[in-house]
PDB file of N, CA and C in Angstrom:
ATOM      1  N   MET A   1     -13.928 -11.507  34.153  1.00  0.00           N
ATOM      2  CA  MET A   1     -12.739 -11.504  33.441  1.00  0.00           C
ATOM      3  C   MET A   1     -12.736 -10.547  32.458  1.00  0.00           C
ATOM      4  N   MET A   2     -11.587  -9.875  32.043  1.00  0.00           N
ATOM      5  CA  MET A   2     -11.708  -8.793  31.117  1.00  0.00           C
ATOM      6  C   MET A   2     -11.430  -9.411  29.747  1.00  0.00           C
ATOM      7  N   GLU A   3     -12.102  -9.014  28.566  1.00  0.00           N
ATOM      8  CA  GLU A   3     -12.024  -9.349  27.259  1.00  0.00           C
ATOM      9  C   GLU A   3     -10.635  -9.019  26.807  1.00  0.00           C
ATOM     10  N   PRO A   4      -9.813  -9.971  26.188  1.00  0.00           N
ATOM     11  CA  PRO A   4      -8.430  -9.502  25.733  1.00  0.00           C
ATOM     12  C   PRO A   4      -8.357  -8.411  25.013  1.00  0.00           C
ATOM     13  N   LEU A   5      -9.192  -7.895  24.029  1.00  0.00           N
ATOM     14  CA  LEU A   5      -9.166  -6.952  23.389  1.00  0.00           C
ATOM     15  C   LEU A   5      -9.349  -5.510  24.278  1.00  0.00           C
ATOM     16  N   ALA A   6     -10.289  -5.770  25.004  1.00  0.00           N
ATOM     17  CA  ALA A   6     -10.677  -4.539  25.944  1.00  0.00           C
ATOM     18  C   ALA A   6      -9.322  -4.208  26.779  1.00  0.00           C
ATOM     19  N   ARG A   7      -8.748  -5.191  27.233  1.00  0.00           N
ATOM     20  CA  ARG A   7      -7.400  -4.985  27.973  1.00  0.00           C
ATOM     21  C   ARG A   7      -6.302  -4.199  27.277  1.00  0.00           C
ATOM     22  N   TYR A   8      -6.497  -4.281  26.000  1.00  0.00           N
ATOM     23  CA  TYR A   8      -5.359  -3.457  25.088  1.00  0.00           C
ATOM     24  C   TYR A   8      -6.015  -2.417  24.652  1.00  0.00           C
ATOM     25  N   ARG A   9      -7.252  -2.136  24.692  1.00  0.00           N
ATOM     26  CA  ARG A   9      -8.066  -0.811  23.986  1.00  0.00           C
ATOM     27  C   ARG A   9      -6.919   0.224  23.697  1.00  0.00           C
ATOM     28  N   ARG A  10      -6.533   0.817  24.727  1.00  0.00           N
ATOM     29  CA  ARG A  10      -5.921   2.021  24.540  1.00  0.00           C
ATOM     30  C   ARG A  10      -4.346   1.699  23.574  1.00  0.00           C
ATOM     31  N   ALA A  11      -3.884   0.588  23.963  1.00  0.00           N
ATOM     32  CA  ALA A  11      -2.787   0.458  23.067  1.00  0.00           C
ATOM     33  C   ALA A  11      -3.066   0.194  21.304  1.00  0.00           C
ATOM     34  N   LEU A  12      -4.307  -0.541  21.253  1.00  0.00           N
ATOM     35  CA  LEU A  12      -4.743  -0.644  19.972  1.00  0.00           C
ATOM     36  C   LEU A  12      -5.206   0.740  19.227  1.00  0.00           C
ATOM     37  N   LEU A  13      -5.868   1.321  20.158  1.00  0.00           N
ATOM     38  CA  LEU A  13      -6.171   2.937  19.471  1.00  0.00           C
ATOM     39  C   LEU A  13      -4.884   3.684  19.141  1.00  0.00           C
ATOM     40  N   ILE A  14      -3.878   3.581  19.969  1.00  0.00           N
ATOM     41  CA  ILE A  14      -2.803   4.341  19.516  1.00  0.00           C
ATOM     42  C   ILE A  14      -1.999   3.662  18.307  1.00  0.00           C
ATOM     43  N   ILE A  15      -2.106   2.559  18.248  1.00  0.00           N
ATOM     44  CA  ILE A  15      -1.613   1.835  17.012  1.00  0.00           C
ATOM     45  C   ILE A  15      -2.286   2.153  15.905  1.00  0.00           C
ATOM     46  N   VAL A  16      -3.495   2.207  15.950  1.00  0.00           N
ATOM     47  CA  VAL A  16      -4.370   2.606  14.645  1.00  0.00           C
ATOM     48  C   VAL A  16      -4.100   4.172  14.301  1.00  0.00           C
ATOM     49  N   ALA A  17      -4.159   4.821  15.208  1.00  0.00           N
ATOM     50  CA  ALA A  17      -3.864   6.360  14.855  1.00  0.00           C
ATOM     51  C   ALA A  17      -2.451   6.477  14.363  1.00  0.00           C
ATOM     52  N   LEU A  18      -1.359   5.716  14.666  1.00  0.00           N
ATOM     53  CA  LEU A  18       0.085   6.074  14.273  1.00  0.00           C
ATOM     54  C   LEU A  18       0.041   5.399  12.852  1.00  0.00           C
ATOM     55  N   VAL A  19      -0.567   4.147  12.523  1.00  0.00           N
ATOM     56  CA  VAL A  19      -0.795   3.782  11.244  1.00  0.00           C
ATOM     57  C   VAL A  19      -1.701   4.620  10.180  1.00  0.00           C
ATOM     58  N   LEU A  20      -2.455   5.423  10.702  1.00  0.00           N
ATOM     59  CA  LEU A  20      -3.349   6.182   9.808  1.00  0.00           C
ATOM     60  C   LEU A  20      -2.495   7.492   9.603  1.00  0.00           C
ATOM     61  N   VAL A  21      -1.542   7.911  10.725  1.00  0.00           N
ATOM     62  CA  VAL A  21      -0.608   9.139  10.225  1.00  0.00           C
ATOM     63  C   VAL A  21       0.580   8.835   9.511  1.00  0.00           C
ATOM     64  N   SER A  22       0.933   7.656   9.443  1.00  0.00           N
ATOM     65  CA  SER A  22       2.355   7.177   8.939  1.00  0.00           C
ATOM     66  C   SER A  22       2.605   7.781   7.548  1.00  0.00           C
ATOM     67  N   PRO A  23       1.342   7.842   6.630  1.00  0.00           N
ATOM     68  CA  PRO A  23       1.768   8.217   5.353  1.00  0.00           C
ATOM     69  C   PRO A  23       2.324   9.786   5.193  1.00  0.00           C
ATOM     70  N   VAL A  24       1.612  10.418   6.109  1.00  0.00           N
ATOM     71  CA  VAL A  24       2.316  12.059   6.341  1.00  0.00           C
ATOM     72  C   VAL A  24       3.732  11.933   6.383  1.00  0.00           C
ATOM     73  N   PHE A  25       4.377  10.775   7.057  1.00  0.00           N
ATOM     74  CA  PHE A  25       5.859  10.791   7.180  1.00  0.00           C
ATOM     75  C   PHE A  25       6.506  10.110   6.047  1.00  0.00           C
ATOM     76  N   GLY A  26       5.951   8.918   5.814  1.00  0.00           N
ATOM     77  CA  GLY A  26       6.360   7.849   4.891  1.00  0.00           C
ATOM     78  C   GLY A  26       6.509   8.156   3.451  1.00  0.00           C
ATOM     79  N   VAL A  27       5.280   9.069   2.980  1.00  0.00           N
ATOM     80  CA  VAL A  27       4.880   9.304   1.601  1.00  0.00           C
ATOM     81  C   VAL A  27       5.027  10.807   1.438  1.00  0.00           C
ATOM     82  N   ILE A  28       4.112  11.669   2.044  1.00  0.00           N
ATOM     83  CA  ILE A  28       4.014  12.903   1.751  1.00  0.00           C
ATOM     84  C   ILE A  28       5.300  13.719   2.029  1.00  0.00           C
ATOM     85  N   LEU A  29       5.697  13.730   3.130  1.00  0.00           N
ATOM     86  CA  LEU A  29       6.869  14.554   3.632  1.00  0.00           C
ATOM     87  C   LEU A  29       8.030  13.911   3.083  1.00  0.00           C
ATOM     88  N   ALA A  30       8.351  12.802   2.994  1.00  0.00           N
ATOM     89  CA  ALA A  30       9.324  11.962   2.312  1.00  0.00           C
ATOM     90  C   ALA A  30       9.631  12.575   0.634  1.00  0.00           C
ATOM     91  N   GLU A  31       8.416  12.837   0.114  1.00  0.00           N
ATOM     92  CA  GLU A  31       8.576  13.089  -1.192  1.00  0.00           C
ATOM     93  C   GLU A  31       8.815  14.628  -1.215  1.00  0.00           C
ATOM     94  N   MET A  32       8.174  15.573  -0.489  1.00  0.00           N
ATOM     95  CA  MET A  32       8.468  16.861  -0.172  1.00  0.00           C
ATOM     96  C   MET A  32      10.124  17.177  -0.269  1.00  0.00           C
ATOM     97  N   VAL A  33      10.651  16.443   0.477  1.00  0.00           N
ATOM     98  CA  VAL A  33      12.206  16.640   1.128  1.00  0.00           C
ATOM     99  C   VAL A  33      12.941  15.835   0.296  1.00  0.00           C
ATOM    100  N   GLY A  34      12.387  14.948  -0.748  1.00  0.00           N
ATOM    101  CA  GLY A  34      13.256  14.117  -1.564  1.00  0.00           C
ATOM    102  C   GLY A  34      14.022  13.228  -0.987  1.00  0.00           C
ATOM    103  N   TYR A  35      13.430  12.499   0.260  1.00  0.00           N
ATOM    104  CA  TYR A  35      14.201  11.494   0.937  1.00  0.00           C
ATOM    105  C   TYR A  35      14.431  10.250   0.041  1.00  0.00           C
ATOM    106  N   HIS A  36      15.687   9.577   0.342  1.00  0.00           N
ATOM    107  CA  HIS A  36      15.707   8.491  -0.494  1.00  0.00           C
ATOM    108  C   HIS A  36      16.432   7.611   0.694  1.00  0.00           C
ATOM    109  N   GLU A  37      15.995   6.312   0.685  1.00  0.00           N
ATOM    110  CA  GLU A  37      16.596   5.172   1.612  1.00  0.00           C
ATOM    111  C   GLU A  37      18.217   5.173   1.427  1.00  0.00           C
ATOM    112  N   PRO A  38      18.759   5.312   2.665  1.00  0.00           N
ATOM    113  CA  PRO A  38      20.495   5.446   2.698  1.00  0.00           C
ATOM    114  C   PRO A  38      21.037   4.255   2.011  1.00  0.00           C
ATOM    115  N   LEU A  39      20.594   2.999   2.123  1.00  0.00           N
ATOM    116  CA  LEU A  39      21.004   2.054   1.527  1.00  0.00           C
ATOM    117  C   LEU A  39      21.095   2.003  -0.121  1.00  0.00           C
ATOM    118  N   ASP A  40      19.979   2.610  -0.527  1.00  0.00           N
ATOM    119  CA  ASP A  40      19.714   3.010  -2.007  1.00  0.00           C
ATOM    120  C   ASP A  40      20.753   4.049  -2.527  1.00  0.00           C
ATOM    121  N   VAL A  41      20.837   5.090  -1.608  1.00  0.00           N
ATOM    122  CA  VAL A  41      21.696   6.063  -1.878  1.00  0.00           C
ATOM    123  C   VAL A  41      23.449   5.447  -2.059  1.00  0.00           C
ATOM    124  N   ALA A  42      23.681   4.848  -1.037  1.00  0.00           N
ATOM    125  CA  ALA A  42      24.976   4.071  -1.103  1.00  0.00           C
ATOM    126  C   ALA A  42      25.164   3.210  -2.239  1.00  0.00           C
ATOM    127  N   ALA A  43      24.299   2.297  -2.423  1.00  0.00           N
ATOM    128  CA  ALA A  43      24.109   1.578  -3.440  1.00  0.00           C
ATOM    129  C   ALA A  43      24.378   2.279  -4.915  1.00  0.00           C
ATOM    130  N   GLU A  44      23.669   3.153  -4.993  1.00  0.00           N
ATOM    131  CA  GLU A  44      23.822   4.030  -6.495  1.00  0.00           C
ATOM    132  C   GLU A  44      25.315   4.729  -6.364  1.00  0.00           C
ATOM    133  N   LEU A  45      26.000   5.111  -5.340  1.00  0.00           N
ATOM    134  CA  LEU A  45      27.250   5.767  -5.399  1.00  0.00           C
ATOM    135  C   LEU A  45      28.119   4.720  -5.783  1.00  0.00           C
ATOM    136  N   VAL A  46      28.040   3.545  -5.317  1.00  0.00           N
ATOM    137  CA  VAL A  46      29.203   2.562  -5.482  1.00  0.00           C
ATOM    138  C   VAL A  46      28.804   1.940  -7.018  1.00  0.00           C
ATOM    139  N   GLY A  47      27.722   2.393  -7.650  1.00  0.00           N
ATOM    140  CA  GLY A  47      27.337   1.669  -9.055  1.00  0.00           C
ATOM    141  C   GLY A  47      26.630   0.597  -8.929  1.00  0.00           C
ATOM    142  N   LEU A  48      25.958   0.050  -7.893  1.00  0.00           N
ATOM    143  CA  LEU A  48      25.362  -1.422  -7.878  1.00  0.00           C
ATOM    144  C   LEU A  48      24.205  -1.125  -8.771  1.00  0.00           C
ATOM    145  N   PRO A  49      23.705  -2.208  -9.531  1.00  0.00           N
ATOM    146  CA  PRO A  49      22.348  -1.935 -10.238  1.00  0.00           C
ATOM    147  C   PRO A  49      21.153  -2.061  -9.336  1.00  0.00           C
ATOM    148  N   ASP A  50      19.979  -1.566  -9.590  1.00  0.00           N
ATOM    149  CA  ASP A  50      18.870  -1.637  -8.841  1.00  0.00           C
ATOM    150  C   ASP A  50      18.172  -3.160  -9.227  1.00  0.00           C
ATOM    151  N   LYS A  51      18.132  -4.111  -8.574  1.00  0.00           N
ATOM    152  CA  LYS A  51      17.549  -5.107  -8.845  1.00  0.00           C
ATOM    153  C   LYS A  51      16.226  -5.475  -7.961  1.00  0.00           C
ATOM    154  N   SER A  52      15.707  -4.243  -7.460  1.00  0.00           N
ATOM    155  CA  SER A  52      14.387  -4.509  -6.750  1.00  0.00           C
ATOM    156  C   SER A  52      13.228  -5.031  -7.575  1.00  0.00           C
ATOM    157  N   GLU A  53      13.240  -4.414  -8.686  1.00  0.00           N
ATOM    158  CA  GLU A  53      11.995  -4.651  -9.499  1.00  0.00           C
ATOM    159  C   GLU A  53      12.112  -6.149 -10.073  1.00  0.00           C
ATOM    160  N   GLU A  54      13.333  -6.710 -10.188  1.00  0.00           N
ATOM    161  CA  GLU A  54      13.397  -8.179 -10.774  1.00  0.00           C
ATOM    162  C   GLU A  54      13.248  -8.997  -9.583  1.00  0.00           C
ATOM    163  N   LEU A  55      13.557  -8.711  -8.268  1.00  0.00           N
ATOM    164  CA  LEU A  55      13.509  -9.595  -7.034  1.00  0.00           C
ATOM    165  C   LEU A  55      12.492  -9.324  -6.305  1.00  0.00           C
ATOM    166  N   ASN A  56      11.566  -8.776  -6.723  1.00  0.00           N
ATOM    167  CA  ASN A  56      10.271  -8.260  -5.747  1.00  0.00           C
ATOM    168  C   ASN A  56       9.625  -9.570  -5.536  1.00  0.00           C
ATOM    169  N   TRP A  57       9.368  -9.885  -4.375  1.00  0.00           N
ATOM    170  CA  TRP A  57       8.583 -11.082  -3.951  1.00  0.00           C
ATOM    171  C   TRP A  57       7.365 -10.808  -3.308  1.00  0.00           C
ATOM    172  N   THR A  58       6.959  -9.366  -3.171  1.00  0.00           N
ATOM    173  CA  THR A  58       5.697  -9.129  -2.390  1.00  0.00           C
ATOM    174  C   THR A  58       4.806  -8.416  -3.359  1.00  0.00           C
ATOM    175  N   PRO A  59       3.611  -8.451  -3.258  1.00  0.00           N
ATOM    176  CA  PRO A  59       2.840  -7.366  -3.861  1.00  0.00           C
ATOM    177  C   PRO A  59       2.808  -5.813  -3.146  1.00  0.00           C
ATOM    178  N   PHE A  60       3.254  -5.787  -2.155  1.00  0.00           N
ATOM    179  CA  PHE A  60       3.452  -4.424  -1.335  1.00  0.00           C
ATOM    180  C   PHE A  60       4.802  -3.859  -1.629  1.00  0.00           C
ATOM    181  N   PHE A  61       5.170  -3.665  -2.880  1.00  0.00           N
ATOM    182  CA  PHE A  61       6.595  -3.165  -3.097  1.00  0.00           C
ATOM    183  C   PHE A  61       6.533  -1.808  -2.501  1.00  0.00           C
ATOM    184  N   ASP A  62       7.583  -1.318  -1.878  1.00  0.00           N
ATOM    185  CA  ASP A  62       7.615   0.155  -1.305  1.00  0.00           C
ATOM    186  C   ASP A  62       6.266   0.390  -0.596  1.00  0.00           C
ATOM    187  N   TYR A  63       5.428  -0.622   0.196  1.00  0.00           N
ATOM    188  CA  TYR A  63       4.689  -0.142   0.896  1.00  0.00           C
ATOM    189  C   TYR A  63       3.337   0.267   0.100  1.00  0.00           C
ATOM    190  N   THR A  64       3.304   0.101  -0.880  1.00  0.00           N
ATOM    191  CA  THR A  64       2.067   0.154  -1.833  1.00  0.00           C
ATOM    192  C   THR A  64       1.380  -0.909  -2.123  1.00  0.00           C
ATOM    193  N   VAL A  65      -0.054  -0.706  -2.504  1.00  0.00           N
ATOM    194  CA  VAL A  65      -0.836  -1.769  -2.961  1.00  0.00           C
ATOM    195  C   VAL A  65      -1.281  -1.368  -4.361  1.00  0.00           C
ATOM    196  N   PRO A  66      -0.968  -2.248  -5.249  1.00  0.00           N
ATOM    197  CA  PRO A  66      -1.492  -1.820  -6.583  1.00  0.00           C
ATOM    198  C   PRO A  66      -2.907  -1.277  -6.964  1.00  0.00           C
ATOM    199  N   GLY A  67      -2.968  -0.363  -7.727  1.00  0.00           N
ATOM    200  CA  GLY A  67      -4.410   0.189  -7.927  1.00  0.00           C
ATOM    201  C   GLY A  67      -4.876   1.138  -6.840  1.00  0.00           C
ATOM    202  N   LEU A  68      -4.026   1.304  -5.768  1.00  0.00           N
ATOM    203  CA  LEU A  68      -4.323   2.319  -4.638  1.00  0.00           C
ATOM    204  C   LEU A  68      -3.360   3.451  -4.816  1.00  0.00           C
ATOM    205  N   PRO A  69      -4.115   4.541  -4.230  1.00  0.00           N
ATOM    206  CA  PRO A  69      -2.984   5.682  -4.194  1.00  0.00           C
ATOM    207  C   PRO A  69      -1.841   5.279  -2.974  1.00  0.00           C
ATOM    208  N   ASP A  70      -0.818   5.876  -3.072  1.00  0.00           N
ATOM    209  CA  ASP A  70       0.355   5.700  -2.213  1.00  0.00           C
ATOM    210  C   ASP A  70       0.284   5.694  -0.705  1.00  0.00           C
ATOM    211  N   THR A  71      -0.640   6.845  -0.423  1.00  0.00           N
ATOM    212  CA  THR A  71      -0.995   6.930   0.785  1.00  0.00           C
ATOM    213  C   THR A  71      -1.874   5.840   1.401  1.00  0.00           C
ATOM    214  N   VAL A  72      -2.919   5.529   0.629  1.00  0.00           N
ATOM    215  CA  VAL A  72      -3.631   4.515   1.240  1.00  0.00           C
ATOM    216  C   VAL A  72      -3.020   3.308   1.069  1.00  0.00           C
ATOM    217  N   GLY A  73      -2.260   2.988   0.205  1.00  0.00           N
ATOM    218  CA  GLY A  73      -1.474   1.594   0.231  1.00  0.00           C
ATOM    219  C   GLY A  73      -0.607   1.591   1.502  1.00  0.00           C
ATOM    220  N   TYR A  74      -0.072   2.588   1.730  1.00  0.00           N
ATOM    221  CA  TYR A  74       0.976   2.662   3.117  1.00  0.00           C
ATOM    222  C   TYR A  74       0.026   2.373   4.234  1.00  0.00           C
ATOM    223  N   ILE A  75      -1.382   2.891   4.382  1.00  0.00           N
ATOM    224  CA  ILE A  75      -1.945   2.578   5.406  1.00  0.00           C
ATOM    225  C   ILE A  75      -2.438   0.997   5.478  1.00  0.00           C
ATOM    226  N   VAL A  76      -2.715   0.345   4.322  1.00  0.00           N
ATOM    227  CA  VAL A  76      -3.135  -0.863   4.159  1.00  0.00           C
ATOM    228  C   VAL A  76      -1.991  -1.932   4.512  1.00  0.00           C
ATOM    229  N   ALA A  77      -0.722  -1.581   3.925  1.00  0.00           N
ATOM    230  CA  ALA A  77       0.360  -2.258   4.158  1.00  0.00           C
ATOM    231  C   ALA A  77       0.569  -2.360   5.772  1.00  0.00           C
ATOM    232  N   GLY A  78       0.561  -1.174   6.448  1.00  0.00           N
ATOM    233  CA  GLY A  78       0.824  -0.947   7.998  1.00  0.00           C
ATOM    234  C   GLY A  78      -0.235  -1.937   8.765  1.00  0.00           C
ATOM    235  N   PHE A  79      -1.202  -1.996   8.506  1.00  0.00           N
ATOM    236  CA  PHE A  79      -2.369  -2.640   8.965  1.00  0.00           C
ATOM    237  C   PHE A  79      -2.228  -3.983   8.747  1.00  0.00           C
ATOM    238  N   ILE A  80      -1.646  -4.558   7.689  1.00  0.00           N
ATOM    239  CA  ILE A  80      -1.489  -5.959   7.340  1.00  0.00           C
ATOM    240  C   ILE A  80       0.020  -6.486   8.282  1.00  0.00           C
ATOM    241  N   GLY A  81       0.828  -5.489   8.298  1.00  0.00           N
ATOM    242  CA  GLY A  81       2.208  -5.696   9.111  1.00  0.00           C
ATOM    243  C   GLY A  81       1.652  -5.859  10.484  1.00  0.00           C
ATOM    244  N   ILE A  82       0.782  -4.941  10.998  1.00  0.00           N
ATOM    245  CA  ILE A  82       0.280  -4.885  12.550  1.00  0.00           C
ATOM    246  C   ILE A  82      -0.336  -6.432  12.643  1.00  0.00           C
ATOM    247  N   ALA A  83      -1.177  -6.723  11.877  1.00  0.00           N
ATOM    248  CA  ALA A  83      -1.855  -8.125  12.017  1.00  0.00           C
ATOM    249  C   ALA A  83      -0.986  -9.385  12.030  1.00  0.00           C
ATOM    250  N   ALA A  84      -0.117  -9.069  11.220  1.00  0.00           N
ATOM    251  CA  ALA A  84       1.024 -10.331  11.182  1.00  0.00           C
ATOM    252  C   ALA A  84       1.913 -10.329  12.576  1.00  0.00           C
ATOM    253  N   ILE A  85       2.119  -9.367  13.188  1.00  0.00           N
ATOM    254  CA  ILE A  85       2.872  -9.195  14.450  1.00  0.00           C
ATOM    255  C   ILE A  85       1.935  -9.674  15.321  1.00  0.00           C
ATOM    256  N   LEU A  86       0.589  -9.277  15.387  1.00  0.00           N
ATOM    257  CA  LEU A  86      -0.240  -9.602  16.434  1.00  0.00           C
ATOM    258  C   LEU A  86      -0.602 -10.946  16.602  1.00  0.00           C
ATOM    259  N   ALA A  87      -0.752 -11.483  15.203  1.00  0.00           N
ATOM    260  CA  ALA A  87      -0.780 -12.819  14.950  1.00  0.00           C
ATOM    261  C   ALA A  87       0.329 -13.956  15.338  1.00  0.00           C
ATOM    262  N   LEU A  88       1.389 -13.527  15.092  1.00  0.00           N
ATOM    263  CA  LEU A  88       2.679 -14.053  15.651  1.00  0.00           C
ATOM    264  C   LEU A  88       2.675 -14.174  17.327  1.00  0.00           C
ATOM    265  N   GLY A  89       2.217 -12.802  17.753  1.00  0.00           N
ATOM    266  CA  GLY A  89       2.377 -12.942  19.165  1.00  0.00           C
ATOM    267  C   GLY A  89       1.108 -13.808  19.749  1.00  0.00           C
ATOM    268  N   ALA A  90       0.096 -13.864  19.262  1.00  0.00           N
ATOM    269  CA  ALA A  90      -0.803 -14.915  19.572  1.00  0.00           C
ATOM    270  C   ALA A  90      -0.299 -16.266  19.617  1.00  0.00           C
ATOM    271  N   VAL A  91       0.210 -16.473  18.422  1.00  0.00           N
ATOM    272  CA  VAL A  91       0.674 -18.085  18.410  1.00  0.00           C
ATOM    273  C   VAL A  91       1.731 -18.532  19.385  1.00  0.00           C
ATOM    274  N   LEU A  92       2.828 -17.603  19.506  1.00  0.00           N
ATOM    275  CA  LEU A  92       3.550 -17.661  20.532  1.00  0.00           C
ATOM    276  C   LEU A  92       3.065 -17.557  21.945  1.00  0.00           C
ATOM    277  N   GLN A  93       2.284 -17.046  22.209  1.00  0.00           N
ATOM    278  CA  GLN A  93       1.515 -16.872  23.643  1.00  0.00           C
ATOM    279  C   GLN A  93       0.919 -18.282  23.920  1.00  0.00           C
ATOM    280  N   ARG A  94       0.051 -18.863  22.794  1.00  0.00           N
ATOM    281  CA  ARG A  94      -0.423 -20.008  23.122  1.00  0.00           C
ATOM    282  C   ARG A  94       0.429 -21.036  23.224  1.00  0.00           C
ATOM    283  N   VAL A  95       1.704 -21.247  22.577  1.00  0.00           N
ATOM    284  CA  VAL A  95       2.789 -22.047  22.560  1.00  0.00           C
ATOM    285  C   VAL A  95       3.563 -22.240  23.964  1.00  0.00           C
ATOM    286  N   ALA A  96       3.514 -20.909  24.407  1.00  0.00           N
ATOM    287  CA  ALA A  96       4.256 -20.672  25.707  1.00  0.00           C
ATOM    288  C   ALA A  96       3.273 -20.965  26.775  1.00  0.00           C
ATOM    289  N   ALA A  97       1.825 -20.852  26.610  1.00  0.00           N
ATOM    290  CA  ALA A  97       0.948 -21.413  27.530  1.00  0.00           C
ATOM    291  C   ALA A  97       0.972 -22.955  27.943  1.00  0.00           C
ATOM    292  N   ARG A  98       1.256 -23.561  26.764  1.00  0.00           N
ATOM    293  CA  ARG A  98       1.143 -25.201  26.820  1.00  0.00           C
ATOM    294  C   ARG A  98       2.412 -25.475  27.697  1.00  0.00           C
ATOM    295  N   ARG A  99       3.381 -24.865  27.725  1.00  0.00           N
ATOM    296  CA  ARG A  99       4.529 -25.490  28.147  1.00  0.00           C
ATOM    297  C   ARG A  99       4.489 -25.433  29.668  1.00  0.00           C
TER     298      ARG A  99
END
């Protein structure tokens, strides 16, 4: 019988590669072209105040990790997100297997 991770090795390698490359698009190029989230732009156009600093419930605000460069924080936040999704999938798989 094949080990669970060995079965998905190729998919996991692709996910790791995508997470490692993501700061190029999410941080570096976004800053170069001056990209802003469309909802932020719309809120600014209608005069809504920015409450994100006041209502911040996560230590990973804007996919950054305090004390790390934005690009490294983006990668760390990506791996945390992937880990959460994989953990949820494992839990749901076990629940489904019991039924």
